[in-house]
Amino acid sequence: MIARAALLASAFSLAGCAGVDPVVLQPDIAPPRVYATDLPPAGLDREWWTGFGDPVLSDLVEQGLAANLDVDAAAGRLVSAAALLRAERADRLPSIDGTGDAGISLGTDSELTATAGLFGLFNPDIDGRLAAEIRATAADYAEAEYLLADQRRLVAAAVASQYIEYRRTGAQLDLLEQSTGLQEQTLRIVTLRYEAGLAANLDVRRAAADLAQTRARRGLIEISRANALNALAVLLAAPPGVFRIPPPAQNQEIPDYGAGPAAGVPADLLRRRTDILAAEARLARAAADIGIEQADLRPLLTIPGSIGLGDGTLGGLFGDFLLGLGAAIDLPIFDGGRRRAEVDAAEGLAQARLAEYRTTFLDALGEVENALVAIQAYRQRNGALTEAIDQSETALSQSNALYREGLASLFDVLDAQRQLIASRQALIDSEAALASSFVSFHAAVGSDW
């Protein structure tokens, strides 16, 4: 990866050429010293997804990084940018082209004639344009490289997020089976009591309605599950509809991130977040563009030269030997203010790039803060929901016992069932949200790609 010093160090001051200093742009970024929300500084950096302890997830992320088509496209743009950089650097060298022609003259003394020669041109770059163009294409190359790394960052997060959704829907289907079993048992008890004359037909219908509503959730869960599976297929460049992933090793529970995050400090984002580094490269490109436009305000010197053989017959192995070397200078005198306006336009674009760079950093900082708050909040929520489930299980057991003794109504039983099922569903969703928050956190802080 192109060293960051080549882009932003010394406020984008790169070595100039022919005494022309490069344009200096100074991003005014003052990151806070620490994040507002604190978490223990532990965990993983590279390959953070292994912190979930799920081999299936780790394998899917690795497949995504290797096969994703957006990553391939970004890699192709990097190859193109590297070629353009080589081409710009080649302009610093003299160019030499060959030419030749041959003909025949018809008449009393017919003869074959030919000429051949070499023509060269060298630009000593006294106006600084070539140096600025090299800086511009070097910034383009750096941006392409950072965007490739950023695409890998996004793909890893997307694969992990979709896998968590896939596991969430699997856990919801398992819970659906448990819930329908519980409600079927209640319906059987109520039906027996009705047949024995101990319960009203209304109780049977209420219990049957609750069971039907629970069963009706299956279709919605299966839709979400299929969507997550198809999204994974696209991320892995596999055909949706036929793509399958192996079942988890143990159960359908949401994978828990056990390693803990490595938050670092906000200033780390400036060297870790590849989208910030890409914005930095675009700012370097804008600075170089100012230098390119400023070059038009200075004289342009070129040195052409030629070596030729010609004006002779083939039988005489050509006639004259010609050697030419000269110099040409282009002096800007009057253009109605066009050149100056183009410099102003480049400077205005540079100010826009500077604002975009600051915005990118602030957005990244906000993403980290949001993820840290979410991790903390969902951890607390999961604890409360676990307590709610324990209490709901106790309440259901007591209401069932009282109902059998005729000391409680079926409404009390069904209400306790609904609370228990709702709490279990909420815990599954909250556990998935916590896992997704860890994914968002690692995507937000970036990684040493």
Protein backbone atom coordinates (compact mmCIF):
# COMPACT_ATOMS: atom_id res chain seq x y z
CA MET A 1 0.00 0.00 0.00
CA ILE A 2 1.29 3.43 -0.91
CA ALA A 3 2.62 4.98 2.25
CA ARG A 4 0.31 7.53 3.78
CA ALA A 5 3.24 9.90 3.99
CA ALA A 6 3.16 10.15 0.22
CA LEU A 7 -0.29 11.68 0.42
CA LEU A 8 -0.82 13.71 3.54
CA ALA A 9 2.49 13.98 5.38
CA SER A 10 3.81 17.50 5.58
CA ALA A 11 0.37 18.74 4.59
CA PHE A 12 0.50 17.19 1.17
CA SER A 13 3.94 18.68 0.50
CA LEU A 14 5.54 16.34 -2.01
CA ALA A 15 8.94 16.83 -3.58
CA GLY A 16 8.61 19.40 -6.32
CA CYS A 17 10.20 19.54 -9.72
CA ALA A 18 12.21 22.21 -11.50
CA GLY A 19 11.93 24.55 -8.53
CA VAL A 20 8.10 24.56 -8.58
CA ASP A 21 6.68 23.88 -5.13
CA PRO A 22 3.62 21.62 -4.90
CA VAL A 23 0.34 23.01 -3.63
CA VAL A 24 -0.14 22.68 0.14
CA LEU A 25 -3.54 21.74 1.61
CA GLN A 26 -3.85 21.35 5.36
CA PRO A 27 -6.84 19.33 6.64
CA ASP A 28 -7.98 20.82 9.92
CA ILE A 29 -8.97 17.72 11.88
CA ALA A 30 -8.99 17.72 15.68
CA PRO A 31 -10.22 14.29 16.86
CA PRO A 32 -11.45 13.96 20.44
CA ARG A 33 -9.01 12.22 22.74
CA VAL A 34 -11.36 9.36 23.70
CA TYR A 35 -14.75 8.00 22.73
CA ALA A 36 -17.76 9.11 24.73
CA THR A 37 -18.70 5.49 25.46
CA ASP A 38 -16.01 3.33 26.99
CA LEU A 39 -15.48 -0.40 26.56
CA PRO A 40 -12.56 -2.57 27.71
CA PRO A 41 -9.69 -2.34 25.19
CA ALA A 42 -9.45 -6.00 24.24
CA GLY A 43 -10.19 -8.08 21.19
CA LEU A 44 -9.12 -8.65 17.63
CA ASP A 45 -7.91 -6.43 14.82
CA ARG A 46 -7.43 -8.35 11.61
CA GLU A 47 -9.94 -11.15 11.00
CA TRP A 48 -12.17 -9.82 13.74
CA TRP A 49 -15.00 -12.12 12.64
CA THR A 50 -13.20 -15.08 14.24
CA GLY A 51 -14.13 -13.51 17.59
CA PHE A 52 -17.61 -15.01 17.20
CA GLY A 53 -16.11 -18.48 17.49
CA ASP A 54 -18.22 -19.73 14.58
CA PRO A 55 -16.25 -21.68 11.93
CA VAL A 56 -19.11 -21.37 9.43
CA LEU A 57 -19.08 -17.58 9.71
CA SER A 58 -15.30 -17.43 9.38
CA ASP A 59 -15.41 -19.59 6.27
CA LEU A 60 -18.16 -17.47 4.69
CA VAL A 61 -16.25 -14.23 5.28
CA GLU A 62 -13.09 -15.69 3.77
CA GLN A 63 -15.08 -16.88 0.75
CA GLY A 64 -16.63 -13.45 0.38
CA LEU A 65 -13.27 -11.68 0.45
CA ALA A 66 -11.96 -14.09 -2.19
CA ALA A 67 -14.97 -14.21 -4.52
CA ASN A 68 -16.97 -11.01 -4.13
CA LEU A 69 -17.50 -9.29 -7.48
CA ASP A 70 -17.33 -5.77 -6.07
CA VAL A 71 -13.91 -6.63 -4.66
CA ASP A 72 -12.91 -7.93 -8.09
CA ALA A 73 -14.12 -4.71 -9.72
CA ALA A 74 -12.13 -2.62 -7.24
CA ALA A 75 -9.06 -4.75 -7.95
CA GLY A 76 -9.48 -4.09 -11.67
CA ARG A 77 -9.66 -0.34 -11.07
CA LEU A 78 -6.44 -0.59 -9.06
CA VAL A 79 -4.68 -2.32 -11.96
CA SER A 80 -5.87 0.45 -14.28
CA ALA A 81 -4.70 3.17 -11.89
CA ALA A 82 -1.27 1.55 -11.61
CA ALA A 83 -0.93 1.50 -15.40
CA LEU A 84 -1.90 5.17 -15.67
CA LEU A 85 0.68 6.06 -13.03
CA ARG A 86 3.39 4.29 -15.02
CA ALA A 87 2.27 6.19 -18.11
CA GLU A 88 2.49 9.55 -16.34
CA ARG A 89 5.96 8.77 -15.03
CA ALA A 90 7.04 7.84 -18.54
CA ASP A 91 6.29 11.41 -19.64
CA ARG A 92 9.29 12.57 -17.60
CA LEU A 93 11.57 10.72 -20.04
CA PRO A 94 12.38 11.79 -23.58
CA SER A 95 10.08 10.31 -26.20
CA ILE A 96 11.59 8.90 -29.39
CA ASP A 97 9.60 7.88 -32.45
CA GLY A 98 10.80 6.42 -35.72
CA THR A 99 9.57 7.26 -39.19
CA GLY A 100 10.31 6.19 -42.71
CA ASP A 101 8.93 6.18 -46.22
CA ALA A 102 9.89 4.91 -49.61
CA GLY A 103 8.79 5.72 -53.14
CA ILE A 104 9.58 5.38 -56.82
CA SER A 105 9.97 8.10 -59.38
CA LEU A 106 8.79 7.27 -62.89
CA GLY A 107 10.43 8.70 -65.94
CA THR A 108 13.58 8.41 -68.04
CA ASP A 109 15.70 7.84 -64.93
CA SER A 110 13.39 5.88 -62.67
CA GLU A 111 14.74 5.23 -59.20
CA LEU A 112 13.67 4.20 -55.73
CA THR A 113 13.97 6.78 -52.95
CA ALA A 114 13.61 6.43 -49.21
CA THR A 115 13.92 8.41 -46.03
CA ALA A 116 14.23 7.22 -42.43
CA GLY A 117 14.73 8.97 -39.17
CA LEU A 118 14.19 9.32 -35.48
CA PHE A 119 12.25 12.14 -33.89
CA GLY A 120 12.47 12.94 -30.20
CA LEU A 121 10.93 15.36 -27.73
CA PHE A 122 11.90 16.19 -24.17
CA ASN A 123 10.01 18.34 -21.71
CA PRO A 124 12.22 19.56 -18.83
CA ASP A 125 9.06 20.49 -16.93
CA ILE A 126 10.06 24.02 -15.98
CA ASP A 127 6.37 24.82 -15.45
CA GLY A 128 5.86 21.91 -13.03
CA ARG A 129 2.95 20.36 -14.97
CA LEU A 130 4.48 16.89 -15.32
CA ALA A 131 5.34 16.71 -11.63
CA ALA A 132 1.79 17.79 -10.73
CA GLU A 133 0.28 15.24 -13.11
CA ILE A 134 2.38 12.50 -11.53
CA ARG A 135 1.18 13.57 -8.09
CA ALA A 136 -2.39 13.52 -9.35
CA THR A 137 -2.17 10.00 -10.79
CA ALA A 138 -0.29 8.80 -7.70
CA ALA A 139 -3.23 10.06 -5.63
CA ASP A 140 -5.63 8.26 -7.97
CA TYR A 141 -3.65 5.07 -7.50
CA ALA A 142 -3.70 5.49 -3.72
CA GLU A 143 -7.45 6.09 -3.79
CA ALA A 144 -7.99 2.94 -5.86
CA GLU A 145 -5.88 0.96 -3.42
CA TYR A 146 -7.75 2.31 -0.40
CA LEU A 147 -11.10 1.73 -2.08
CA LEU A 148 -10.14 -1.90 -2.70
CA ALA A 149 -9.34 -2.28 0.99
CA ASP A 150 -12.54 -0.45 1.89
CA GLN A 151 -14.57 -2.80 -0.27
CA ARG A 152 -13.07 -5.71 1.64
CA ARG A 153 -14.04 -3.99 4.90
CA LEU A 154 -17.62 -3.60 3.73
CA VAL A 155 -17.88 -7.13 2.34
CA ALA A 156 -16.66 -8.70 5.58
CA ALA A 157 -19.23 -6.70 7.54
CA ALA A 158 -22.03 -7.47 5.06
CA VAL A 159 -21.35 -11.22 5.12
CA ALA A 160 -21.28 -11.26 8.92
CA SER A 161 -24.49 -9.21 9.14
CA GLN A 162 -26.40 -11.44 6.74
CA TYR A 163 -25.14 -14.56 8.49
CA ILE A 164 -26.35 -13.20 11.83
CA GLU A 165 -29.75 -12.54 10.26
CA TYR A 166 -29.76 -16.09 8.89
CA ARG A 167 -29.01 -17.45 12.35
CA ARG A 168 -31.61 -15.15 13.93
CA THR A 169 -34.33 -16.51 11.68
CA GLY A 170 -33.17 -20.06 12.43
CA ALA A 171 -33.47 -19.37 16.15
CA GLN A 172 -36.90 -17.84 15.58
CA LEU A 173 -38.04 -20.98 13.75
CA ASP A 174 -36.82 -23.11 16.65
CA LEU A 175 -38.70 -20.87 19.07
CA LEU A 176 -41.77 -21.11 16.86
CA GLU A 177 -41.71 -24.88 17.20
CA GLN A 178 -41.38 -24.60 20.97
CA SER A 179 -44.17 -22.03 21.18
CA THR A 180 -46.59 -24.01 19.03
CA GLY A 181 -45.86 -27.10 21.12
CA LEU A 182 -46.63 -25.18 24.29
CA GLN A 183 -49.85 -23.76 22.87
CA GLU A 184 -50.92 -27.10 21.44
CA GLN A 185 -50.57 -28.60 24.90
CA THR A 186 -52.68 -25.80 26.35
CA LEU A 187 -55.31 -26.32 23.65
CA ARG A 188 -55.49 -30.04 24.46
CA ILE A 189 -55.98 -29.31 28.16
CA VAL A 190 -58.69 -26.74 27.48
CA THR A 191 -60.43 -29.06 25.03
CA LEU A 192 -60.45 -31.89 27.59
CA ARG A 193 -61.86 -29.55 30.24
CA TYR A 194 -64.51 -28.35 27.78
CA GLU A 195 -65.49 -31.92 26.96
CA ALA A 196 -65.69 -32.63 30.68
CA GLY A 197 -67.92 -29.61 31.15
CA LEU A 198 -65.31 -27.72 33.15
CA ALA A 199 -64.58 -24.99 30.57
CA ALA A 200 -66.54 -22.92 28.09
CA ASN A 201 -66.28 -23.25 24.33
CA LEU A 202 -65.00 -19.67 24.33
CA ASP A 203 -61.85 -20.85 26.11
CA VAL A 204 -61.24 -23.44 23.38
CA ARG A 205 -61.58 -20.82 20.68
CA ARG A 206 -59.25 -18.41 22.46
CA ALA A 207 -56.56 -21.07 22.81
CA ALA A 208 -56.99 -22.12 19.16
CA ALA A 209 -56.75 -18.48 18.02
CA ASP A 210 -53.48 -17.97 19.88
CA LEU A 211 -52.06 -21.14 18.33
CA ALA A 212 -53.10 -20.03 14.83
CA GLN A 213 -51.50 -16.61 15.28
CA THR A 214 -48.21 -18.22 16.33
CA ARG A 215 -48.25 -20.57 13.34
CA ALA A 216 -48.94 -17.61 11.03
CA ARG A 217 -45.51 -16.17 11.88
CA ARG A 218 -43.69 -19.00 10.10
CA GLY A 219 -44.14 -17.55 6.63
CA LEU A 220 -42.71 -14.16 7.60
CA ILE A 221 -39.71 -15.78 9.28
CA GLU A 222 -39.03 -17.98 6.25
CA ILE A 223 -39.15 -14.92 3.97
CA SER A 224 -36.50 -13.18 6.08
CA ARG A 225 -34.43 -16.36 6.17
CA ALA A 226 -34.52 -16.75 2.38
CA ASN A 227 -33.63 -13.07 1.91
CA ALA A 228 -30.58 -13.44 4.16
CA LEU A 229 -29.48 -16.62 2.37
CA ASN A 230 -29.86 -15.03 -1.07
CA ALA A 231 -27.97 -11.93 0.07
CA LEU A 232 -25.13 -14.16 1.23
CA ALA A 233 -25.13 -15.88 -2.14
CA VAL A 234 -24.72 -12.58 -3.98
CA LEU A 235 -21.92 -11.50 -1.64
CA LEU A 236 -20.11 -14.76 -2.35
CA ALA A 237 -20.78 -14.55 -6.13
CA ALA A 238 -22.95 -17.69 -5.96
CA PRO A 239 -26.35 -18.21 -7.65
CA PRO A 240 -29.19 -17.22 -5.29
CA GLY A 241 -31.85 -19.86 -4.82
CA VAL A 242 -29.48 -22.82 -4.93
CA PHE A 243 -26.85 -21.52 -2.53
CA ARG A 244 -26.70 -23.35 0.80
CA ILE A 245 -24.54 -23.02 3.88
CA PRO A 246 -23.76 -25.82 6.34
CA PRO A 247 -25.73 -25.86 9.60
CA PRO A 248 -24.01 -24.53 12.71
CA ALA A 249 -21.96 -26.98 14.69
CA GLN A 250 -24.17 -27.00 17.81
CA ASN A 251 -27.47 -25.13 17.69
CA GLN A 252 -29.34 -22.25 16.13
CA GLU A 253 -28.49 -19.73 18.83
CA ILE A 254 -27.10 -16.36 17.82
CA PRO A 255 -23.27 -16.41 17.84
CA ASP A 256 -21.90 -14.36 20.71
CA TYR A 257 -18.84 -12.18 20.18
CA GLY A 258 -16.55 -13.32 22.96
CA ALA A 259 -13.32 -11.45 22.24
CA GLY A 260 -14.56 -7.94 22.97
CA PRO A 261 -13.84 -4.89 20.78
CA ALA A 262 -10.56 -3.03 20.43
CA ALA A 263 -11.79 0.54 20.25
CA GLY A 264 -8.51 2.45 20.35
CA VAL A 265 -8.86 6.22 20.20
CA PRO A 266 -10.62 8.46 17.63
CA ALA A 267 -7.31 9.55 16.08
CA ASP A 268 -6.75 5.93 15.01
CA LEU A 269 -9.55 6.33 12.48
CA LEU A 270 -7.32 8.60 10.40
CA ARG A 271 -4.98 5.70 9.65
CA ARG A 272 -7.35 2.72 9.89
CA ARG A 273 -10.55 3.70 8.08
CA THR A 274 -9.91 3.07 4.42
CA ASP A 275 -12.75 5.34 3.29
CA ILE A 276 -11.07 8.20 5.20
CA LEU A 277 -7.77 7.35 3.53
CA ALA A 278 -9.54 7.31 0.15
CA ALA A 279 -10.99 10.76 0.88
CA GLU A 280 -7.48 11.83 1.83
CA ALA A 281 -6.21 10.61 -1.54
CA ARG A 282 -8.96 12.57 -3.33
CA LEU A 283 -7.82 15.64 -1.44
CA ALA A 284 -4.25 15.01 -2.59
CA ARG A 285 -5.57 14.71 -6.15
CA ALA A 286 -7.33 18.06 -5.80
CA ALA A 287 -4.11 19.67 -4.58
CA ALA A 288 -2.25 18.25 -7.56
CA ASP A 289 -4.96 19.52 -9.92
CA ILE A 290 -4.32 23.03 -8.66
CA GLY A 291 -0.65 22.58 -9.58
CA ILE A 292 -1.62 21.34 -13.03
CA GLU A 293 -3.75 24.41 -13.68
CA GLN A 294 -1.10 26.74 -12.25
CA ALA A 295 1.40 25.29 -14.72
CA ASP A 296 -0.56 26.95 -17.52
CA LEU A 297 0.38 30.32 -16.03
CA ARG A 298 4.09 29.61 -16.53
CA PRO A 299 6.24 29.29 -19.66
CA LEU A 300 6.36 25.87 -21.30
CA LEU A 301 9.71 24.69 -22.67
CA THR A 302 10.11 21.70 -24.99
CA ILE A 303 13.25 20.42 -26.71
CA PRO A 304 12.60 18.66 -30.02
CA GLY A 305 15.28 16.78 -31.93
CA SER A 306 15.61 14.61 -35.01
CA ILE A 307 18.07 12.34 -36.80
CA GLY A 308 17.36 11.44 -40.41
CA LEU A 309 18.67 9.83 -43.55
CA GLY A 310 17.08 10.77 -46.83
CA ASP A 311 17.04 12.34 -50.26
CA GLY A 312 18.96 9.40 -51.72
CA THR A 313 18.43 6.27 -53.71
CA LEU A 314 18.29 2.84 -52.20
CA GLY A 315 21.21 1.82 -54.30
CA GLY A 316 23.26 4.62 -52.75
CA LEU A 317 22.25 3.66 -49.22
CA PHE A 318 20.46 6.99 -48.80
CA GLY A 319 21.89 10.35 -49.38
CA ASP A 320 22.01 13.00 -46.67
CA PHE A 321 22.50 12.59 -42.96
CA LEU A 322 20.37 15.09 -41.07
CA LEU A 323 20.65 16.04 -37.40
CA GLY A 324 18.46 18.63 -35.74
CA LEU A 325 18.11 19.89 -32.17
CA GLY A 326 16.11 22.88 -31.04
CA ALA A 327 14.06 24.43 -28.32
CA ALA A 328 10.53 25.78 -28.25
CA ILE A 329 8.98 27.96 -25.58
CA ASP A 330 5.32 28.82 -25.08
CA LEU A 331 4.72 32.06 -23.16
CA PRO A 332 1.22 32.74 -21.81
CA ILE A 333 0.40 36.36 -22.62
CA PHE A 334 -3.33 36.95 -22.89
CA ASP A 335 -6.29 34.59 -22.80
CA GLY A 336 -9.05 36.74 -21.36
CA GLY A 337 -8.57 35.30 -17.86
CA ARG A 338 -9.25 31.70 -18.84
CA ARG A 339 -6.15 30.20 -17.23
CA ARG A 340 -6.69 32.09 -13.99
CA ALA A 341 -10.34 30.97 -13.93
CA GLU A 342 -9.29 27.34 -14.31
CA VAL A 343 -6.95 27.72 -11.33
CA ASP A 344 -9.82 29.22 -9.30
CA ALA A 345 -12.06 26.31 -10.30
CA ALA A 346 -9.44 23.80 -9.15
CA GLU A 347 -9.03 25.64 -5.85
CA GLY A 348 -12.80 25.62 -5.32
CA LEU A 349 -12.90 21.86 -5.95
CA ALA A 350 -10.07 21.40 -3.47
CA GLN A 351 -12.09 23.21 -0.81
CA ALA A 352 -14.99 20.87 -1.54
CA ARG A 353 -12.69 17.85 -1.20
CA LEU A 354 -11.45 19.24 2.10
CA ALA A 355 -15.01 19.50 3.40
CA GLU A 356 -15.75 15.98 2.17
CA TYR A 357 -12.68 14.69 4.01
CA ARG A 358 -13.85 16.24 7.26
CA THR A 359 -17.36 14.88 6.73
CA THR A 360 -16.02 11.38 6.11
CA PHE A 361 -14.08 11.50 9.36
CA LEU A 362 -17.05 12.80 11.36
CA ASP A 363 -19.31 10.13 9.84
CA ALA A 364 -16.81 7.44 10.82
CA LEU A 365 -16.54 8.85 14.33
CA GLY A 366 -20.33 8.82 14.62
CA GLU A 367 -20.49 5.20 13.45
CA VAL A 368 -18.05 4.13 16.16
CA GLU A 369 -19.91 6.02 18.86
CA ASN A 370 -23.25 4.56 17.72
CA ALA A 371 -21.85 1.03 17.74
CA LEU A 372 -20.37 1.46 21.22
CA VAL A 373 -23.66 2.78 22.59
CA ALA A 374 -25.54 -0.08 20.92
CA ILE A 375 -23.21 -2.73 22.36
CA GLN A 376 -23.67 -1.34 25.84
CA ALA A 377 -27.43 -0.93 25.48
CA TYR A 378 -28.08 -4.40 24.02
CA ARG A 379 -25.98 -6.03 26.72
CA GLN A 380 -28.18 -4.40 29.35
CA ARG A 381 -31.33 -5.26 27.39
CA ASN A 382 -30.33 -8.91 27.12
CA GLY A 383 -29.89 -9.11 30.88
CA ALA A 384 -33.32 -7.60 31.47
CA LEU A 385 -34.97 -9.89 28.91
CA THR A 386 -33.36 -12.95 30.49
CA GLU A 387 -34.88 -11.89 33.81
CA ALA A 388 -38.24 -11.33 32.10
CA ILE A 389 -38.14 -14.84 30.65
CA ASP A 390 -37.41 -16.36 34.05
CA GLN A 391 -40.30 -14.48 35.62
CA SER A 392 -42.65 -15.33 32.73
CA GLU A 393 -41.83 -19.03 32.97
CA THR A 394 -42.63 -18.95 36.68
CA ALA A 395 -45.85 -17.04 36.05
CA LEU A 396 -46.95 -19.51 33.37
CA SER A 397 -46.25 -22.48 35.60
CA GLN A 398 -48.26 -20.93 38.43
CA SER A 399 -51.16 -19.91 36.20
CA ASN A 400 -51.37 -23.42 34.72
CA ALA A 401 -51.51 -24.92 38.20
CA LEU A 402 -54.18 -22.48 39.33
CA TYR A 403 -56.18 -23.05 36.14
CA ARG A 404 -56.26 -26.81 36.73
CA GLU A 405 -57.57 -26.14 40.22
CA GLY A 406 -60.19 -23.75 38.90
CA LEU A 407 -58.58 -20.82 40.70
CA ALA A 408 -57.52 -18.91 37.57
CA SER A 409 -59.09 -18.24 34.20
CA LEU A 410 -57.80 -19.35 30.85
CA PHE A 411 -57.17 -15.68 30.08
CA ASP A 412 -54.51 -15.69 32.82
CA VAL A 413 -52.84 -18.75 31.24
CA LEU A 414 -52.92 -17.36 27.70
CA ASP A 415 -51.63 -13.99 28.87
CA ALA A 416 -48.71 -15.64 30.65
CA GLN A 417 -47.97 -17.65 27.50
CA ARG A 418 -47.99 -14.56 25.34
CA GLN A 419 -45.61 -12.74 27.69
CA LEU A 420 -43.23 -15.70 27.74
CA ILE A 421 -43.24 -16.13 23.95
CA ALA A 422 -42.84 -12.37 23.40
CA SER A 423 -39.91 -12.19 25.82
CA ARG A 424 -38.18 -15.14 24.16
CA GLN A 425 -38.66 -13.58 20.73
CA ALA A 426 -37.38 -10.24 21.98
CA LEU A 427 -34.27 -11.90 23.46
CA ILE A 428 -33.45 -13.59 20.15
CA ASP A 429 -33.81 -10.29 18.30
CA SER A 430 -31.77 -8.46 20.93
CA GLU A 431 -28.98 -11.06 20.83
CA ALA A 432 -28.86 -10.71 17.05
CA ALA A 433 -28.79 -6.93 17.40
CA LEU A 434 -25.88 -7.20 19.85
CA ALA A 435 -23.96 -9.42 17.45
CA SER A 436 -24.70 -7.00 14.61
CA SER A 437 -23.49 -4.13 16.80
CA PHE A 438 -20.12 -5.85 17.13
CA VAL A 439 -20.02 -6.18 13.34
CA SER A 440 -20.89 -2.49 12.96
CA PHE A 441 -18.24 -1.60 15.51
CA HIS A 442 -15.44 -3.40 13.68
CA ALA A 443 -16.58 -2.01 10.35
CA ALA A 444 -16.59 1.46 11.92
CA VAL A 445 -13.14 1.38 13.52
CA GLY A 446 -11.62 -0.15 10.40
CA SER A 447 -8.84 -2.68 10.37
CA ASP A 448 -5.20 -2.88 9.44
CA TRP A 449 -5.79 -4.21 5.95
